Amino acid sequence: MRIQQYHDFRNNNDIAECASNSKGFSTLHFNIRSLSANYDCFYHMLSELNLSFSIIGISETKIIKDREALSNVNIIGYDLVSEPTLSNAGGVAFYIKNNYNYTIRSELTIATLDFEALWIEILANGQPNLVCGVIYRHPHSNLQNFMNYINSTLDKIQQEKKLCLFMGDFNIDLLKIDSHSDSEIFLNDLASSFFQPHILQPTRITDHSATLIDNIFFNSIEHFTISGNVVYKLTDHLANFMIFNNFSALSPNIEVYKRDYSKFNETKFLDEVKSFDWQIVLENTIDPTQLFDSFYAKISEIIDRYVPIKRFSRRE
């Protein structure tokens, strides 16, 4: 897998070439802070980008259950599906390019007071179907309830052996994985299901903070992807995009391996690293290359015990 990051793709030829490929798939996510209020500016942003995305995920639509949107928010050439919020904030939606056949995964779609999630499945001819989700987790909501839902949903998708990407505003700052246990747990749980974040730089920027709370996760480690943020001042969130090209997938006869973080215990791992007598490893030579080789062999042995390498289950 190769992830290529950009801050802004409006003038980049690599992105245009990948996106224009008939076998490519492009997705955009944006926390719009009310679809009705910001629709005109959002439509203008899409016009400036001049790229017809395969799907567009919207979080915090503020479309409330049992109430109609305040204005026409349709985009020509796209179907709009929505999962309204039960409160005055939140809500998610997809714009789906109308040349795609798709179904709504209603058994996975949900709205609670803690979060909303909408799932669809793109029906691909001659290739594996692609399951897509857009999620909004309300700030300070019950994280355990959210993680229980995420893990259960991703387990179902993994059992189906389908490609899957999901996007959204999770209100979990991935820049704090070294200092915030909830961020670490969130990322490790997703990694155990082979999902990796494709947005690596801050997505919400204010006068006093910069956080990485919006993201796009993808469970393929085989595709070449281009991803990043769109620099466009509409809300205090940046839009995020990801494009992948089906032609760049690895050959089926290549085996793919990945470390399994599902049972990783950081405390025990660090305790063993700290308690080991490293002098034993380093005392037999003064040659820098041999010293490094000895250190690397021992640290790799410890890492392999706590984060073992597993063969990735390839799809038929």
C-alpha atoms as a PDB file:
ATOM      1  CA  MET A   1       0.000   0.000   0.000  1.00  0.00           C
ATOM      2  CA  ARG A   2       1.110   3.542  -0.717  1.00  0.00           C
ATOM      3  CA  ILE A   3      -0.594   6.554   0.844  1.00  0.00           C
ATOM      4  CA  GLN A   4       0.253   9.857  -0.811  1.00  0.00           C
ATOM      5  CA  GLN A   5      -0.810  12.927   1.196  1.00  0.00           C
ATOM      6  CA  TYR A   6      -1.734  16.386  -0.029  1.00  0.00           C
ATOM      7  CA  HIS A   7      -2.964  19.561   1.649  1.00  0.00           C
ATOM      8  CA  ASP A   8      -4.868  20.710  -1.417  1.00  0.00           C
ATOM      9  CA  PHE A   9      -5.476  18.912  -4.688  1.00  0.00           C
ATOM     10  CA  ARG A  10      -6.932  21.588  -6.944  1.00  0.00           C
ATOM     11  CA  ASN A  11      -3.804  22.007  -9.058  1.00  0.00           C
ATOM     12  CA  ASN A  12      -2.190  18.582  -8.774  1.00  0.00           C
ATOM     13  CA  ASN A  13      -1.821  16.551 -11.995  1.00  0.00           C
ATOM     14  CA  ASP A  14      -1.264  13.208 -10.189  1.00  0.00           C
ATOM     15  CA  ILE A  15      -4.638  13.470  -8.495  1.00  0.00           C
ATOM     16  CA  ALA A  16      -6.465  14.531 -11.633  1.00  0.00           C
ATOM     17  CA  GLU A  17      -4.978  11.605 -13.562  1.00  0.00           C
ATOM     18  CA  CYS A  18      -5.926   9.055 -10.890  1.00  0.00           C
ATOM     19  CA  ALA A  19      -9.423  10.478 -10.432  1.00  0.00           C
ATOM     20  CA  SER A  20     -10.167  10.588 -14.143  1.00  0.00           C
ATOM     21  CA  ASN A  21      -9.317   6.913 -14.594  1.00  0.00           C
ATOM     22  CA  SER A  22     -12.504   4.987 -15.324  1.00  0.00           C
ATOM     23  CA  LYS A  23     -11.506   2.345 -12.780  1.00  0.00           C
ATOM     24  CA  GLY A  24     -10.678   4.831 -10.044  1.00  0.00           C
ATOM     25  CA  PHE A  25     -12.895   5.585  -7.051  1.00  0.00           C
ATOM     26  CA  SER A  26     -12.905   8.967  -5.343  1.00  0.00           C
ATOM     27  CA  THR A  27     -14.502  10.048  -2.095  1.00  0.00           C
ATOM     28  CA  LEU A  28     -14.835  13.335  -0.242  1.00  0.00           C
ATOM     29  CA  HIS A  29     -15.895  13.899   3.369  1.00  0.00           C
ATOM     30  CA  PHE A  30     -16.854  17.199   4.934  1.00  0.00           C
ATOM     31  CA  ASN A  31     -18.298  18.299   8.284  1.00  0.00           C
ATOM     32  CA  ILE A  32     -20.616  20.956   6.932  1.00  0.00           C
ATOM     33  CA  ARG A  33     -22.102  22.323  10.165  1.00  0.00           C
ATOM     34  CA  SER A  34     -25.615  22.377   8.635  1.00  0.00           C
ATOM     35  CA  LEU A  35     -26.227  21.312   5.075  1.00  0.00           C
ATOM     36  CA  SER A  36     -29.074  23.769   4.543  1.00  0.00           C
ATOM     37  CA  ALA A  37     -27.134  26.756   5.883  1.00  0.00           C
ATOM     38  CA  ASN A  38     -23.894  26.045   4.012  1.00  0.00           C
ATOM     39  CA  TYR A  39     -25.157  24.330   0.859  1.00  0.00           C
ATOM     40  CA  ASP A  40     -24.456  27.252  -1.499  1.00  0.00           C
ATOM     41  CA  CYS A  41     -20.836  27.634  -0.328  1.00  0.00           C
ATOM     42  CA  PHE A  42     -20.336  23.886  -0.410  1.00  0.00           C
ATOM     43  CA  TYR A  43     -21.650  23.687  -3.973  1.00  0.00           C
ATOM     44  CA  HIS A  44     -19.263  26.496  -4.932  1.00  0.00           C
ATOM     45  CA  MET A  45     -16.360  24.571  -3.381  1.00  0.00           C
ATOM     46  CA  LEU A  46     -17.224  21.479  -5.426  1.00  0.00           C
ATOM     47  CA  SER A  47     -17.361  23.612  -8.583  1.00  0.00           C
ATOM     48  CA  GLU A  48     -13.889  25.001  -7.873  1.00  0.00           C
ATOM     49  CA  LEU A  49     -12.459  21.542  -7.251  1.00  0.00           C
ATOM     50  CA  ASN A  50     -13.752  20.471 -10.672  1.00  0.00           C
ATOM     51  CA  LEU A  51     -13.733  16.787  -9.787  1.00  0.00           C
ATOM     52  CA  SER A  52     -16.765  14.537  -9.971  1.00  0.00           C
ATOM     53  CA  PHE A  53     -16.375  12.448  -6.815  1.00  0.00           C
ATOM     54  CA  SER A  54     -17.774   8.924  -6.777  1.00  0.00           C
ATOM     55  CA  ILE A  55     -19.350   9.553  -3.365  1.00  0.00           C
ATOM     56  CA  ILE A  56     -19.456  12.528  -1.006  1.00  0.00           C
ATOM     57  CA  GLY A  57     -19.978  11.922   2.698  1.00  0.00           C
ATOM     58  CA  ILE A  58     -21.436  14.728   4.801  1.00  0.00           C
ATOM     59  CA  SER A  59     -21.358  14.839   8.600  1.00  0.00           C
ATOM     60  CA  GLU A  60     -23.258  17.184  10.901  1.00  0.00           C
ATOM     61  CA  THR A  61     -25.966  17.821   8.324  1.00  0.00           C
ATOM     62  CA  LYS A  62     -28.322  18.988  11.084  1.00  0.00           C
ATOM     63  CA  ILE A  63     -31.147  17.294   9.220  1.00  0.00           C
ATOM     64  CA  ILE A  64     -33.474  16.364  12.076  1.00  0.00           C
ATOM     65  CA  LYS A  65     -35.541  13.194  12.117  1.00  0.00           C
ATOM     66  CA  ASP A  66     -39.156  13.678  10.985  1.00  0.00           C
ATOM     67  CA  ARG A  67     -38.375  17.172   9.646  1.00  0.00           C
ATOM     68  CA  GLU A  68     -37.647  18.067   6.040  1.00  0.00           C
ATOM     69  CA  ALA A  69     -34.500  19.960   5.064  1.00  0.00           C
ATOM     70  CA  LEU A  70     -35.017  23.730   5.067  1.00  0.00           C
ATOM     71  CA  SER A  71     -34.085  24.080   1.392  1.00  0.00           C
ATOM     72  CA  ASN A  72     -33.267  22.093  -1.729  1.00  0.00           C
ATOM     73  CA  VAL A  73     -29.885  20.468  -1.111  1.00  0.00           C
ATOM     74  CA  ASN A  74     -29.705  18.176  -4.145  1.00  0.00           C
ATOM     75  CA  ILE A  75     -26.682  18.068  -6.469  1.00  0.00           C
ATOM     76  CA  ILE A  76     -27.230  17.341 -10.155  1.00  0.00           C
ATOM     77  CA  GLY A  77     -25.846  13.928 -11.100  1.00  0.00           C
ATOM     78  CA  TYR A  78     -26.029  12.526  -7.547  1.00  0.00           C
ATOM     79  CA  ASP A  79     -28.509  10.627  -5.400  1.00  0.00           C
ATOM     80  CA  LEU A  80     -28.845  11.919  -1.837  1.00  0.00           C
ATOM     81  CA  VAL A  81     -29.437   9.514   1.062  1.00  0.00           C
ATOM     82  CA  SER A  82     -29.538  10.711   4.648  1.00  0.00           C
ATOM     83  CA  GLU A  83     -29.603   9.443   8.212  1.00  0.00           C
ATOM     84  CA  PRO A  84     -31.143  12.273  10.265  1.00  0.00           C
ATOM     85  CA  THR A  85     -30.186  13.136  13.815  1.00  0.00           C
ATOM     86  CA  LEU A  86     -32.343  12.606  16.897  1.00  0.00           C
ATOM     87  CA  SER A  87     -31.062  15.879  18.385  1.00  0.00           C
ATOM     88  CA  ASN A  88     -30.435  19.402  17.122  1.00  0.00           C
ATOM     89  CA  ALA A  89     -26.900  18.555  16.008  1.00  0.00           C
ATOM     90  CA  GLY A  90     -25.348  15.713  14.047  1.00  0.00           C
ATOM     91  CA  GLY A  91     -26.809  13.796  11.139  1.00  0.00           C
ATOM     92  CA  VAL A  92     -25.012  12.198   8.182  1.00  0.00           C
ATOM     93  CA  ALA A  93     -25.636  11.860   4.447  1.00  0.00           C
ATOM     94  CA  PHE A  94     -24.171  10.515   1.216  1.00  0.00           C
ATOM     95  CA  TYR A  95     -24.219  12.020  -2.247  1.00  0.00           C
ATOM     96  CA  ILE A  96     -23.765   9.036  -4.587  1.00  0.00           C
ATOM     97  CA  LYS A  97     -22.919   9.528  -8.251  1.00  0.00           C
ATOM     98  CA  ASN A  98     -25.960   8.272 -10.114  1.00  0.00           C
ATOM     99  CA  ASN A  99     -24.073   5.973 -12.469  1.00  0.00           C
ATOM    100  CA  TYR A 100     -23.366   3.656  -9.510  1.00  0.00           C
ATOM    101  CA  ASN A 101     -25.646   0.834  -8.503  1.00  0.00           C
ATOM    102  CA  TYR A 102     -25.893   0.664  -4.726  1.00  0.00           C
ATOM    103  CA  THR A 103     -27.965  -0.553  -1.822  1.00  0.00           C
ATOM    104  CA  ILE A 104     -28.452   0.992   1.608  1.00  0.00           C
ATOM    105  CA  ARG A 105     -27.172  -1.303   4.356  1.00  0.00           C
ATOM    106  CA  SER A 106     -30.088  -0.602   6.676  1.00  0.00           C
ATOM    107  CA  GLU A 107     -29.050  -3.317   9.143  1.00  0.00           C
ATOM    108  CA  LEU A 108     -25.825  -1.383   9.814  1.00  0.00           C
ATOM    109  CA  THR A 109     -27.312   2.131   9.658  1.00  0.00           C
ATOM    110  CA  ILE A 110     -28.249   3.692  12.991  1.00  0.00           C
ATOM    111  CA  ALA A 111     -29.048   6.959  14.775  1.00  0.00           C
ATOM    112  CA  THR A 112     -28.623   7.323  18.534  1.00  0.00           C
ATOM    113  CA  LEU A 113     -28.097  10.245  20.883  1.00  0.00           C
ATOM    114  CA  ASP A 114     -24.364   9.413  20.797  1.00  0.00           C
ATOM    115  CA  PHE A 115     -23.767   9.054  17.046  1.00  0.00           C
ATOM    116  CA  GLU A 116     -25.242   8.565  13.580  1.00  0.00           C
ATOM    117  CA  ALA A 117     -23.967   6.112  10.963  1.00  0.00           C
ATOM    118  CA  LEU A 118     -25.109   5.539   7.383  1.00  0.00           C
ATOM    119  CA  TRP A 119     -23.839   2.599   5.293  1.00  0.00           C
ATOM    120  CA  ILE A 120     -24.220   1.812   1.609  1.00  0.00           C
ATOM    121  CA  GLU A 121     -22.802  -0.900  -0.632  1.00  0.00           C
ATOM    122  CA  ILE A 122     -21.543  -0.049  -4.116  1.00  0.00           C
ATOM    123  CA  LEU A 123     -22.348  -2.912  -6.480  1.00  0.00           C
ATOM    124  CA  ALA A 124     -19.350  -3.413  -8.757  1.00  0.00           C
ATOM    125  CA  ASN A 125     -19.401  -5.395 -11.995  1.00  0.00           C
ATOM    126  CA  GLY A 126     -16.675  -8.011 -12.098  1.00  0.00           C
ATOM    127  CA  GLN A 127     -14.982  -6.696  -8.932  1.00  0.00           C
ATOM    128  CA  PRO A 128     -15.652  -6.998  -5.197  1.00  0.00           C
ATOM    129  CA  ASN A 129     -18.431  -4.776  -3.875  1.00  0.00           C
ATOM    130  CA  LEU A 130     -17.372  -1.764  -1.818  1.00  0.00           C
ATOM    131  CA  VAL A 131     -19.076  -1.021   1.520  1.00  0.00           C
ATOM    132  CA  CYS A 132     -19.005   2.691   2.438  1.00  0.00           C
ATOM    133  CA  GLY A 133     -19.964   4.392   5.676  1.00  0.00           C
ATOM    134  CA  VAL A 134     -20.251   7.951   6.941  1.00  0.00           C
ATOM    135  CA  ILE A 135     -20.317   8.512  10.701  1.00  0.00           C
ATOM    136  CA  TYR A 136     -20.713  11.416  13.106  1.00  0.00           C
ATOM    137  CA  ARG A 137     -19.942  10.915  16.784  1.00  0.00           C
ATOM    138  CA  HIS A 138     -21.261  13.667  19.029  1.00  0.00           C
ATOM    139  CA  PRO A 139     -18.684  15.450  21.229  1.00  0.00           C
ATOM    140  CA  HIS A 140     -18.294  14.026  24.749  1.00  0.00           C
ATOM    141  CA  SER A 141     -20.732  11.193  23.992  1.00  0.00           C
ATOM    142  CA  ASN A 142     -20.350   7.681  25.410  1.00  0.00           C
ATOM    143  CA  LEU A 143     -17.214   6.308  23.759  1.00  0.00           C
ATOM    144  CA  GLN A 144     -17.762   2.713  24.867  1.00  0.00           C
ATOM    145  CA  ASN A 145     -21.179   2.570  23.203  1.00  0.00           C
ATOM    146  CA  PHE A 146     -19.629   3.952  20.035  1.00  0.00           C
ATOM    147  CA  MET A 147     -16.729   1.501  20.041  1.00  0.00           C
ATOM    148  CA  ASN A 148     -19.058  -1.445  20.680  1.00  0.00           C
ATOM    149  CA  TYR A 149     -21.022  -0.427  17.594  1.00  0.00           C
ATOM    150  CA  ILE A 150     -17.917   0.144  15.447  1.00  0.00           C
ATOM    151  CA  ASN A 151     -16.310  -3.173  16.387  1.00  0.00           C
ATOM    152  CA  SER A 152     -19.523  -5.117  15.849  1.00  0.00           C
ATOM    153  CA  THR A 153     -20.153  -3.474  12.463  1.00  0.00           C
ATOM    154  CA  LEU A 154     -16.615  -3.957  11.186  1.00  0.00           C
ATOM    155  CA  ASP A 155     -16.666  -7.605  12.320  1.00  0.00           C
ATOM    156  CA  LYS A 156     -19.740  -8.183  10.138  1.00  0.00           C
ATOM    157  CA  ILE A 157     -18.114  -6.502   7.141  1.00  0.00           C
ATOM    158  CA  GLN A 158     -14.883  -8.431   7.666  1.00  0.00           C
ATOM    159  CA  GLN A 159     -16.806 -11.718   7.687  1.00  0.00           C
ATOM    160  CA  GLU A 160     -18.241 -10.756   4.294  1.00  0.00           C
ATOM    161  CA  LYS A 161     -14.668 -10.292   2.965  1.00  0.00           C
ATOM    162  CA  LYS A 162     -15.548  -7.042   1.226  1.00  0.00           C
ATOM    163  CA  LEU A 163     -13.602  -3.884   0.604  1.00  0.00           C
ATOM    164  CA  CYS A 164     -14.752  -1.197   3.001  1.00  0.00           C
ATOM    165  CA  LEU A 165     -14.081   2.455   3.609  1.00  0.00           C
ATOM    166  CA  PHE A 166     -15.745   4.726   6.099  1.00  0.00           C
ATOM    167  CA  MET A 167     -15.367   8.397   6.846  1.00  0.00           C
ATOM    168  CA  GLY A 168     -16.652  10.979   9.249  1.00  0.00           C
ATOM    169  CA  ASP A 169     -16.095  13.250  12.202  1.00  0.00           C
ATOM    170  CA  PHE A 170     -15.321  10.946  15.120  1.00  0.00           C
ATOM    171  CA  ASN A 171     -14.394  13.625  17.679  1.00  0.00           C
ATOM    172  CA  ILE A 172     -11.391  11.482  18.624  1.00  0.00           C
ATOM    173  CA  ASP A 173      -8.071  13.277  18.087  1.00  0.00           C
ATOM    174  CA  LEU A 174      -5.572  10.924  16.468  1.00  0.00           C
ATOM    175  CA  LEU A 175      -2.783  13.426  17.117  1.00  0.00           C
ATOM    176  CA  LYS A 176      -3.045  12.426  20.791  1.00  0.00           C
ATOM    177  CA  ILE A 177      -2.555   8.668  20.532  1.00  0.00           C
ATOM    178  CA  ASP A 178       0.574   8.903  22.702  1.00  0.00           C
ATOM    179  CA  SER A 179      -1.146  10.831  25.491  1.00  0.00           C
ATOM    180  CA  HIS A 180      -4.847   9.972  25.306  1.00  0.00           C
ATOM    181  CA  SER A 181      -5.905   6.383  25.913  1.00  0.00           C
ATOM    182  CA  ASP A 182      -9.247   6.703  24.089  1.00  0.00           C
ATOM    183  CA  SER A 183      -7.476   7.808  20.911  1.00  0.00           C
ATOM    184  CA  GLU A 184      -5.040   4.911  21.180  1.00  0.00           C
ATOM    185  CA  ILE A 185      -7.813   2.362  21.791  1.00  0.00           C
ATOM    186  CA  PHE A 186      -9.807   3.683  18.829  1.00  0.00           C
ATOM    187  CA  LEU A 187      -6.867   3.442  16.454  1.00  0.00           C
ATOM    188  CA  ASN A 188      -5.730   0.027  17.715  1.00  0.00           C
ATOM    189  CA  ASP A 189      -9.228  -1.447  17.450  1.00  0.00           C
ATOM    190  CA  LEU A 190      -9.473  -0.320  13.837  1.00  0.00           C
ATOM    191  CA  ALA A 191      -5.973  -1.598  13.074  1.00  0.00           C
ATOM    192  CA  SER A 192      -6.929  -5.031  14.399  1.00  0.00           C
ATOM    193  CA  SER A 193      -9.568  -5.142  11.623  1.00  0.00           C
ATOM    194  CA  PHE A 194      -6.977  -3.936   9.068  1.00  0.00           C
ATOM    195  CA  PHE A 195      -8.390  -0.416   8.776  1.00  0.00           C
ATOM    196  CA  GLN A 196      -5.874   2.390   8.436  1.00  0.00           C
ATOM    197  CA  PRO A 197      -6.417   6.169   8.600  1.00  0.00           C
ATOM    198  CA  HIS A 198      -5.739   7.965   5.334  1.00  0.00           C
ATOM    199  CA  ILE A 199      -5.857  11.503   6.731  1.00  0.00           C
ATOM    200  CA  LEU A 200      -2.686  12.238   8.689  1.00  0.00           C
ATOM    201  CA  GLN A 201      -2.761  15.986   9.301  1.00  0.00           C
ATOM    202  CA  PRO A 202      -5.079  18.268  11.324  1.00  0.00           C
ATOM    203  CA  THR A 203      -8.631  18.574  10.019  1.00  0.00           C
ATOM    204  CA  ARG A 204     -10.142  21.063  12.475  1.00  0.00           C
ATOM    205  CA  ILE A 205      -8.153  24.237  12.946  1.00  0.00           C
ATOM    206  CA  THR A 206      -9.144  27.132  15.222  1.00  0.00           C
ATOM    207  CA  ASP A 207      -7.297  30.091  16.732  1.00  0.00           C
ATOM    208  CA  HIS A 208      -6.235  27.957  19.703  1.00  0.00           C
ATOM    209  CA  SER A 209      -6.099  24.346  18.513  1.00  0.00           C
ATOM    210  CA  ALA A 210      -5.436  21.955  15.650  1.00  0.00           C
ATOM    211  CA  THR A 211      -6.926  18.468  15.887  1.00  0.00           C
ATOM    212  CA  LEU A 212      -7.235  15.401  13.692  1.00  0.00           C
ATOM    213  CA  ILE A 213     -10.829  14.340  14.358  1.00  0.00           C
ATOM    214  CA  ASP A 214     -12.102  13.817  10.779  1.00  0.00           C
ATOM    215  CA  ASN A 215     -10.790  10.879   8.795  1.00  0.00           C
ATOM    216  CA  ILE A 216     -11.248   8.293   6.075  1.00  0.00           C
ATOM    217  CA  PHE A 217     -10.449   4.669   6.950  1.00  0.00           C
ATOM    218  CA  PHE A 218      -9.885   1.949   4.354  1.00  0.00           C
ATOM    219  CA  ASN A 219      -9.316  -1.786   4.878  1.00  0.00           C
ATOM    220  CA  SER A 220      -7.214  -2.421   1.790  1.00  0.00           C
ATOM    221  CA  ILE A 221      -3.448  -2.459   2.103  1.00  0.00           C
ATOM    222  CA  GLU A 222      -3.145  -3.376  -1.570  1.00  0.00           C
ATOM    223  CA  HIS A 223      -4.301  -0.233  -3.362  1.00  0.00           C
ATOM    224  CA  PHE A 224      -2.370   2.884  -4.231  1.00  0.00           C
ATOM    225  CA  THR A 225      -4.226   5.779  -2.630  1.00  0.00           C
ATOM    226  CA  ILE A 226      -4.026   9.545  -2.798  1.00  0.00           C
ATOM    227  CA  SER A 227      -5.518  11.394   0.167  1.00  0.00           C
ATOM    228  CA  GLY A 228      -5.382  14.618   2.132  1.00  0.00           C
ATOM    229  CA  ASN A 229      -7.214  17.778   3.098  1.00  0.00           C
ATOM    230  CA  VAL A 230      -8.878  20.424   0.958  1.00  0.00           C
ATOM    231  CA  VAL A 231      -7.809  23.968   1.841  1.00  0.00           C
ATOM    232  CA  TYR A 232     -11.070  25.882   1.576  1.00  0.00           C
ATOM    233  CA  LYS A 233     -12.484  28.195   4.235  1.00  0.00           C
ATOM    234  CA  LEU A 234     -16.102  27.217   4.811  1.00  0.00           C
ATOM    235  CA  THR A 235     -16.256  25.911   8.382  1.00  0.00           C
ATOM    236  CA  ASP A 236     -13.492  25.299  10.926  1.00  0.00           C
ATOM    237  CA  HIS A 237     -13.245  21.747   9.522  1.00  0.00           C
ATOM    238  CA  LEU A 238     -11.242  20.933   6.401  1.00  0.00           C
ATOM    239  CA  ALA A 239     -12.768  18.628   3.824  1.00  0.00           C
ATOM    240  CA  ASN A 240     -10.919  15.312   3.389  1.00  0.00           C
ATOM    241  CA  PHE A 241     -10.534  13.218   0.253  1.00  0.00           C
ATOM    242  CA  MET A 242      -9.261   9.814  -0.785  1.00  0.00           C
ATOM    243  CA  ILE A 243      -8.841   8.379  -4.279  1.00  0.00           C
ATOM    244  CA  PHE A 244      -7.766   4.867  -5.129  1.00  0.00           C
ATOM    245  CA  ASN A 245      -7.100   3.184  -8.442  1.00  0.00           C
ATOM    246  CA  ASN A 246      -8.260  -0.386  -8.896  1.00  0.00           C
ATOM    247  CA  PHE A 247      -5.533  -1.055 -11.473  1.00  0.00           C
ATOM    248  CA  SER A 248      -2.830  -0.658  -8.830  1.00  0.00           C
ATOM    249  CA  ALA A 249      -3.943  -3.557  -6.617  1.00  0.00           C
ATOM    250  CA  LEU A 250      -1.337  -6.207  -5.899  1.00  0.00           C
ATOM    251  CA  SER A 251      -1.313  -9.457  -7.827  1.00  0.00           C
ATOM    252  CA  PRO A 252      -3.490 -12.122  -6.130  1.00  0.00           C
ATOM    253  CA  ASN A 253      -0.507 -14.445  -5.705  1.00  0.00           C
ATOM    254  CA  ILE A 254       1.328 -11.961  -3.457  1.00  0.00           C
ATOM    255  CA  GLU A 255       0.800 -12.664   0.238  1.00  0.00           C
ATOM    256  CA  VAL A 256       0.288  -9.608   2.459  1.00  0.00           C
ATOM    257  CA  TYR A 257       1.175  -9.493   6.164  1.00  0.00           C
ATOM    258  CA  LYS A 258       0.366  -7.009   8.892  1.00  0.00           C
ATOM    259  CA  ARG A 259       0.935  -6.627  12.636  1.00  0.00           C
ATOM    260  CA  ASP A 260      -2.021  -7.523  14.849  1.00  0.00           C
ATOM    261  CA  TYR A 261      -2.623  -4.923  17.581  1.00  0.00           C
ATOM    262  CA  SER A 262      -5.856  -6.489  18.871  1.00  0.00           C
ATOM    263  CA  LYS A 263      -4.209  -7.868  22.050  1.00  0.00           C
ATOM    264  CA  PHE A 264      -1.401  -5.340  22.387  1.00  0.00           C
ATOM    265  CA  ASN A 265      -0.656  -4.369  25.998  1.00  0.00           C
ATOM    266  CA  GLU A 266       1.499  -1.264  25.930  1.00  0.00           C
ATOM    267  CA  THR A 267       2.234  -1.311  29.662  1.00  0.00           C
ATOM    268  CA  LYS A 268       3.598  -4.853  29.646  1.00  0.00           C
ATOM    269  CA  PHE A 269       5.525  -4.202  26.451  1.00  0.00           C
ATOM    270  CA  LEU A 270       7.244  -1.113  27.858  1.00  0.00           C
ATOM    271  CA  ASP A 271       7.915  -2.870  31.169  1.00  0.00           C
ATOM    272  CA  GLU A 272       9.742  -5.675  29.386  1.00  0.00           C
ATOM    273  CA  VAL A 273      11.757  -3.266  27.242  1.00  0.00           C
ATOM    274  CA  LYS A 274      12.773  -1.257  30.321  1.00  0.00           C
ATOM    275  CA  SER A 275      13.549  -4.246  32.523  1.00  0.00           C
ATOM    276  CA  PHE A 276      15.666  -6.133  30.018  1.00  0.00           C
ATOM    277  CA  ASP A 277      19.405  -5.988  30.674  1.00  0.00           C
ATOM    278  CA  TRP A 278      20.551  -4.407  27.409  1.00  0.00           C
ATOM    279  CA  GLN A 279      24.179  -4.622  28.495  1.00  0.00           C
ATOM    280  CA  ILE A 280      24.062  -8.339  27.696  1.00  0.00           C
ATOM    281  CA  VAL A 281      23.225  -7.536  24.079  1.00  0.00           C
ATOM    282  CA  LEU A 282      25.755  -4.737  23.698  1.00  0.00           C
ATOM    283  CA  GLU A 283      28.807  -5.978  25.595  1.00  0.00           C
ATOM    284  CA  ASN A 284      30.275  -8.343  22.976  1.00  0.00           C
ATOM    285  CA  THR A 285      31.388  -5.803  20.394  1.00  0.00           C
ATOM    286  CA  ILE A 286      32.234  -2.155  19.847  1.00  0.00           C
ATOM    287  CA  ASP A 287      31.458  -2.218  16.138  1.00  0.00           C
ATOM    288  CA  PRO A 288      28.456   0.151  15.543  1.00  0.00           C
ATOM    289  CA  THR A 289      26.913  -2.059  12.862  1.00  0.00           C
ATOM    290  CA  GLN A 290      27.066  -5.181  15.029  1.00  0.00           C
ATOM    291  CA  LEU A 291      25.749  -3.236  18.033  1.00  0.00           C
ATOM    292  CA  PHE A 292      22.756  -2.079  16.036  1.00  0.00           C
ATOM    293  CA  ASP A 293      22.125  -5.571  14.616  1.00  0.00           C
ATOM    294  CA  SER A 294      22.156  -7.068  18.124  1.00  0.00           C
ATOM    295  CA  PHE A 295      19.822  -4.389  19.474  1.00  0.00           C
ATOM    296  CA  TYR A 296      17.472  -4.684  16.490  1.00  0.00           C
ATOM    297  CA  ALA A 297      17.261  -8.464  16.766  1.00  0.00           C
ATOM    298  CA  LYS A 298      16.317  -8.298  20.451  1.00  0.00           C
ATOM    299  CA  ILE A 299      13.780  -5.477  20.144  1.00  0.00           C
ATOM    300  CA  SER A 300      12.202  -7.243  17.164  1.00  0.00           C
ATOM    301  CA  GLU A 301      11.881 -10.416  19.217  1.00  0.00           C
ATOM    302  CA  ILE A 302       9.995  -8.515  21.927  1.00  0.00           C
ATOM    303  CA  ILE A 303       7.792  -6.686  19.419  1.00  0.00           C
ATOM    304  CA  ASP A 304       6.898  -9.957  17.667  1.00  0.00           C
ATOM    305  CA  ARG A 305       5.616 -11.390  20.954  1.00  0.00           C
ATOM    306  CA  TYR A 306       3.383  -8.447  21.750  1.00  0.00           C
ATOM    307  CA  VAL A 307       2.369  -7.426  18.211  1.00  0.00           C
ATOM    308  CA  PRO A 308       2.619 -10.602  16.109  1.00  0.00           C
ATOM    309  CA  ILE A 309       2.641 -10.527  12.324  1.00  0.00           C
ATOM    310  CA  LYS A 310      -0.468 -12.080  10.783  1.00  0.00           C
ATOM    311  CA  ARG A 311      -1.168 -13.026   7.214  1.00  0.00           C
ATOM    312  CA  PHE A 312      -3.779 -10.710   5.732  1.00  0.00           C
ATOM    313  CA  SER A 313      -6.859 -12.588   4.537  1.00  0.00           C
ATOM    314  CA  ARG A 314      -7.083 -11.757   0.848  1.00  0.00           C
ATOM    315  CA  ARG A 315     -10.443 -11.520  -0.849  1.00  0.00           C
ATOM    316  CA  GLU A 316     -11.448 -13.882  -3.628  1.00  0.00           C
END
